[in-house]
Amino acid sequence: MCDKAFSESGALNRHMTVHTGDKPYKCHMCDKAFSVSTHLNTHMRVHTGDKPYKCSLCNKSFSRSSNLQSHKRCVHSNIRPYHCPYCGMLFKTEDDLKRHVHIHTGAKPYSCRHCSECFTWNRQLKRHLLKSHNEGTWFTCEICEKTFISPSDLQRHSVRHSAVKPYVCSECPKRFHTDSELKSHHRVHSEYKQFCCFLCDKSFRHKCSVVKHFKRCYVV
């Protein structure tokens, strides 16, 4: 049925479920089913909360080894192999680059099913559905009554009502509410310049700097 070859008959039998669609391994806690037992074992961690793959660089844990590897690449590495052809900005993942390019192309792939409005970002569509069509759920801060479109946004906001700043810079005494604030601050101490001009060899620490450079040197 395809060109794949295997060294063991058992591996071939397991592969054949790709073609037959047979999923004999069923989860007893939900209606999901899987073609191989290892996929079921991994899925069960959704229900048990087990996260055996721990990051050696921070306190985060993951249910899948692939998620851990992705976390290390995106959070703890400065490698940014994906290059924007329009502004020179560098990205860690291809998905990040694709989302960014929408800014330059004007693409609006997220369309409202109730009206003709289209949006560049999924978050904009969610906000539109909540405000214009009353679809979805607002998440409200109990302290200041600000509203947010997702629980993660509310959680990030809530830490600002606390005096606790658990993220400490290793280079200076500054502390921060969130890890994203700390990562942004680290650029002050780093010589790494992630924003590159795609027409020359110059690189910059901040996006606004490369934009100014491009306009000054190349835009008439």
Protein backbone atom coordinates (compact mmCIF):
# COMPACT_ATOMS: atom_id res chain seq x y z
CA MET A 1 0.00 0.00 0.00
CA CYS A 2 3.03 2.28 0.30
CA ASP A 3 6.81 2.10 -0.10
CA LYS A 4 7.77 1.72 3.55
CA ALA A 5 9.81 -1.31 4.62
CA PHE A 6 10.42 -2.80 8.06
CA SER A 7 12.94 -5.16 9.65
CA GLU A 8 10.33 -6.90 11.85
CA SER A 9 6.89 -8.26 11.05
CA GLY A 10 5.48 -6.71 14.24
CA ALA A 11 6.53 -3.26 13.07
CA LEU A 12 4.84 -3.89 9.72
CA ASN A 13 1.63 -5.01 11.46
CA ARG A 14 1.60 -1.87 13.59
CA HIS A 15 2.19 0.26 10.51
CA MET A 16 -0.72 -1.36 8.65
CA THR A 17 -3.16 0.32 11.06
CA VAL A 18 -2.27 3.59 9.29
CA HIS A 19 -3.94 2.22 6.16
CA THR A 20 -6.77 0.25 7.78
CA GLY A 21 -7.75 2.97 10.26
CA ASP A 22 -8.01 0.31 13.00
CA LYS A 23 -7.68 1.80 16.50
CA PRO A 24 -7.95 -1.07 19.00
CA TYR A 25 -6.42 0.78 21.96
CA LYS A 26 -9.24 2.72 23.59
CA CYS A 27 -9.02 5.16 26.49
CA HIS A 28 -11.30 4.10 29.38
CA MET A 29 -11.65 7.72 30.56
CA CYS A 30 -12.74 9.39 27.30
CA ASP A 31 -13.82 8.40 23.80
CA LYS A 32 -10.38 8.59 22.15
CA ALA A 33 -8.79 5.53 20.54
CA PHE A 34 -5.33 4.83 19.11
CA SER A 35 -3.70 2.52 16.60
CA VAL A 36 -0.70 1.69 18.83
CA SER A 37 -0.45 1.12 22.57
CA THR A 38 2.37 3.63 23.09
CA HIS A 39 0.12 6.43 21.82
CA LEU A 40 -2.53 5.41 24.34
CA ASN A 41 0.05 5.39 27.15
CA THR A 42 1.13 8.91 26.22
CA HIS A 43 -2.49 10.07 26.00
CA MET A 44 -3.28 8.74 29.50
CA ARG A 45 -0.99 11.42 30.94
CA VAL A 46 -3.67 13.95 29.97
CA HIS A 47 -5.92 12.32 32.59
CA THR A 48 -3.28 11.47 35.21
CA GLY A 49 -1.35 14.75 34.94
CA ASP A 50 1.92 12.81 34.81
CA LYS A 51 4.79 14.87 33.32
CA PRO A 52 7.92 12.71 33.42
CA TYR A 53 10.06 14.86 31.11
CA LYS A 54 11.66 17.61 33.19
CA CYS A 55 13.65 20.55 31.86
CA SER A 56 17.17 20.67 33.32
CA LEU A 57 17.28 24.47 32.89
CA CYS A 58 14.03 25.47 34.64
CA ASN A 59 11.28 23.88 36.73
CA LYS A 60 8.90 23.03 33.88
CA SER A 61 7.82 19.47 33.12
CA PHE A 62 6.15 17.91 30.10
CA SER A 63 4.10 14.85 29.25
CA ARG A 64 5.94 14.26 25.94
CA SER A 65 9.65 14.25 25.16
CA SER A 66 8.94 16.18 21.91
CA ASN A 67 7.33 18.96 23.95
CA LEU A 68 10.41 19.15 26.17
CA GLN A 69 12.72 19.42 23.14
CA SER A 70 10.52 22.13 21.64
CA HIS A 71 10.54 24.00 24.97
CA LYS A 72 14.35 23.93 25.18
CA ARG A 73 14.70 25.16 21.61
CA CYS A 74 12.16 27.96 21.95
CA VAL A 75 12.82 29.14 25.51
CA HIS A 76 16.43 28.34 26.38
CA SER A 77 18.11 28.68 22.99
CA ASN A 78 18.97 31.80 21.01
CA ILE A 79 19.06 29.92 17.71
CA ARG A 80 16.67 31.63 15.28
CA PRO A 81 17.01 29.97 11.87
CA TYR A 82 13.83 31.42 10.29
CA HIS A 83 14.37 34.77 8.57
CA CYS A 84 11.68 37.23 7.48
CA PRO A 85 12.34 38.31 3.86
CA TYR A 86 10.58 41.65 4.44
CA CYS A 87 12.19 43.11 7.57
CA GLY A 88 15.00 40.74 8.52
CA MET A 89 13.47 39.67 11.82
CA LEU A 90 14.56 36.22 13.00
CA PHE A 91 12.36 33.51 14.54
CA LYS A 92 12.84 30.26 16.40
CA THR A 93 10.02 28.36 14.69
CA GLU A 94 8.50 28.30 11.21
CA ASP A 95 5.03 28.89 12.70
CA ASP A 96 6.24 32.10 14.37
CA LEU A 97 7.62 33.31 11.03
CA LYS A 98 4.37 32.49 9.19
CA ARG A 99 2.32 34.44 11.72
CA HIS A 100 4.72 37.39 11.51
CA VAL A 101 4.69 37.56 7.68
CA HIS A 102 0.96 38.37 7.84
CA ILE A 103 1.99 41.84 9.02
CA HIS A 104 3.80 42.48 5.73
CA THR A 105 1.44 40.72 3.31
CA GLY A 106 -1.78 42.02 4.85
CA ALA A 107 -3.23 38.50 4.90
CA LYS A 108 -6.26 38.05 7.14
CA PRO A 109 -6.87 34.29 7.34
CA TYR A 110 -9.25 34.38 10.35
CA SER A 111 -12.80 35.14 9.22
CA CYS A 112 -15.94 35.63 11.31
CA ARG A 113 -18.72 33.11 10.63
CA HIS A 114 -21.38 35.70 11.52
CA CYS A 115 -20.29 38.63 9.36
CA SER A 116 -17.76 39.63 6.68
CA GLU A 117 -15.01 40.74 9.10
CA CYS A 118 -11.57 39.13 8.68
CA PHE A 119 -8.54 39.32 10.96
CA THR A 120 -4.77 38.88 10.89
CA TRP A 121 -4.63 37.12 14.26
CA ASN A 122 -6.82 34.50 15.91
CA ARG A 123 -6.87 36.59 19.09
CA GLN A 124 -8.46 39.46 17.16
CA LEU A 125 -11.20 37.12 15.92
CA LYS A 126 -11.87 35.86 19.46
CA ARG A 127 -12.19 39.41 20.75
CA HIS A 128 -14.49 40.32 17.85
CA LEU A 129 -16.75 37.31 18.54
CA LEU A 130 -17.01 38.30 22.19
CA LYS A 131 -17.64 42.01 21.61
CA SER A 132 -19.79 41.94 18.47
CA HIS A 133 -21.60 38.61 18.62
CA ASN A 134 -21.54 37.74 22.33
CA GLU A 135 -19.95 34.38 21.49
CA GLY A 136 -17.54 32.92 24.02
CA THR A 137 -16.67 33.76 27.62
CA TRP A 138 -14.96 36.80 29.08
CA PHE A 139 -12.52 36.10 31.93
CA THR A 140 -12.74 38.82 34.60
CA CYS A 141 -10.14 39.85 37.17
CA GLU A 142 -11.68 39.73 40.66
CA ILE A 143 -9.51 42.61 41.85
CA CYS A 144 -9.82 45.29 39.15
CA GLU A 145 -12.63 43.79 37.00
CA LYS A 146 -10.62 43.96 33.78
CA THR A 147 -11.76 41.42 31.22
CA PHE A 148 -9.67 39.08 29.08
CA ILE A 149 -10.34 36.73 26.17
CA SER A 150 -8.47 33.74 27.64
CA PRO A 151 -7.65 32.31 31.09
CA SER A 152 -3.93 32.53 30.31
CA ASP A 153 -4.26 36.29 29.70
CA LEU A 154 -6.08 36.64 33.01
CA GLN A 155 -3.40 34.63 34.80
CA ARG A 156 -0.60 36.80 33.40
CA HIS A 157 -2.52 39.91 34.44
CA SER A 158 -3.27 38.63 37.96
CA VAL A 159 0.40 38.42 38.96
CA ARG A 160 0.61 42.19 38.64
CA HIS A 161 -1.64 42.55 41.67
CA SER A 162 0.92 40.64 43.71
CA ALA A 163 4.09 42.11 45.20
CA VAL A 164 5.87 38.83 44.49
CA LYS A 165 8.34 38.95 41.61
CA PRO A 166 9.79 35.44 41.40
CA TYR A 167 11.84 35.91 38.22
CA VAL A 168 15.28 37.28 39.12
CA CYS A 169 17.89 38.46 36.64
CA SER A 170 21.17 36.54 36.95
CA GLU A 171 23.16 39.60 35.86
CA CYS A 172 21.64 42.31 38.08
CA PRO A 173 19.27 42.65 41.09
CA LYS A 174 16.15 43.34 39.01
CA ARG A 175 13.10 41.13 39.52
CA PHE A 176 10.05 40.53 37.33
CA HIS A 177 6.50 39.23 37.56
CA THR A 178 6.73 36.95 34.51
CA ASP A 179 9.36 34.95 32.66
CA SER A 180 8.60 36.86 29.43
CA GLU A 181 9.51 40.14 31.15
CA LEU A 182 12.76 38.59 32.36
CA LYS A 183 13.61 37.30 28.87
CA SER A 184 13.00 40.74 27.40
CA HIS A 185 15.19 42.31 30.08
CA HIS A 186 18.06 39.88 29.36
CA ARG A 187 18.66 41.69 26.06
CA VAL A 188 20.10 44.58 28.09
CA HIS A 189 22.96 42.32 29.19
CA SER A 190 23.36 40.41 25.93
CA GLU A 191 25.26 41.32 22.79
CA TYR A 192 22.90 39.11 20.77
CA LYS A 193 21.13 41.05 18.03
CA GLN A 194 18.18 39.12 16.65
CA PHE A 195 16.88 41.72 14.16
CA CYS A 196 18.82 41.68 10.90
CA CYS A 197 18.53 43.85 7.81
CA PHE A 198 17.93 41.57 4.82
CA LEU A 199 19.67 44.00 2.43
CA CYS A 200 22.94 44.41 4.32
CA ASP A 201 24.87 42.75 7.15
CA LYS A 202 23.75 45.05 9.95
CA SER A 203 21.90 43.63 12.95
CA PHE A 204 20.03 45.25 15.83
CA ARG A 205 18.77 44.40 19.30
CA HIS A 206 15.35 45.97 18.81
CA LYS A 207 12.80 45.67 16.00
CA CYS A 208 12.20 49.44 15.87
CA SER A 209 15.92 49.97 15.21
CA VAL A 210 16.00 47.75 12.11
CA VAL A 211 12.80 49.40 10.82
CA LYS A 212 14.34 52.88 11.22
CA HIS A 213 17.54 51.68 9.54
CA PHE A 214 15.61 50.27 6.57
CA LYS A 215 13.54 53.43 6.08
CA ARG A 216 16.58 55.70 6.37
CA CYS A 217 18.79 53.74 3.98
CA TYR A 218 16.44 52.20 1.45
CA VAL A 219 13.05 53.90 1.40
CA VAL A 220 12.82 56.99 -0.78
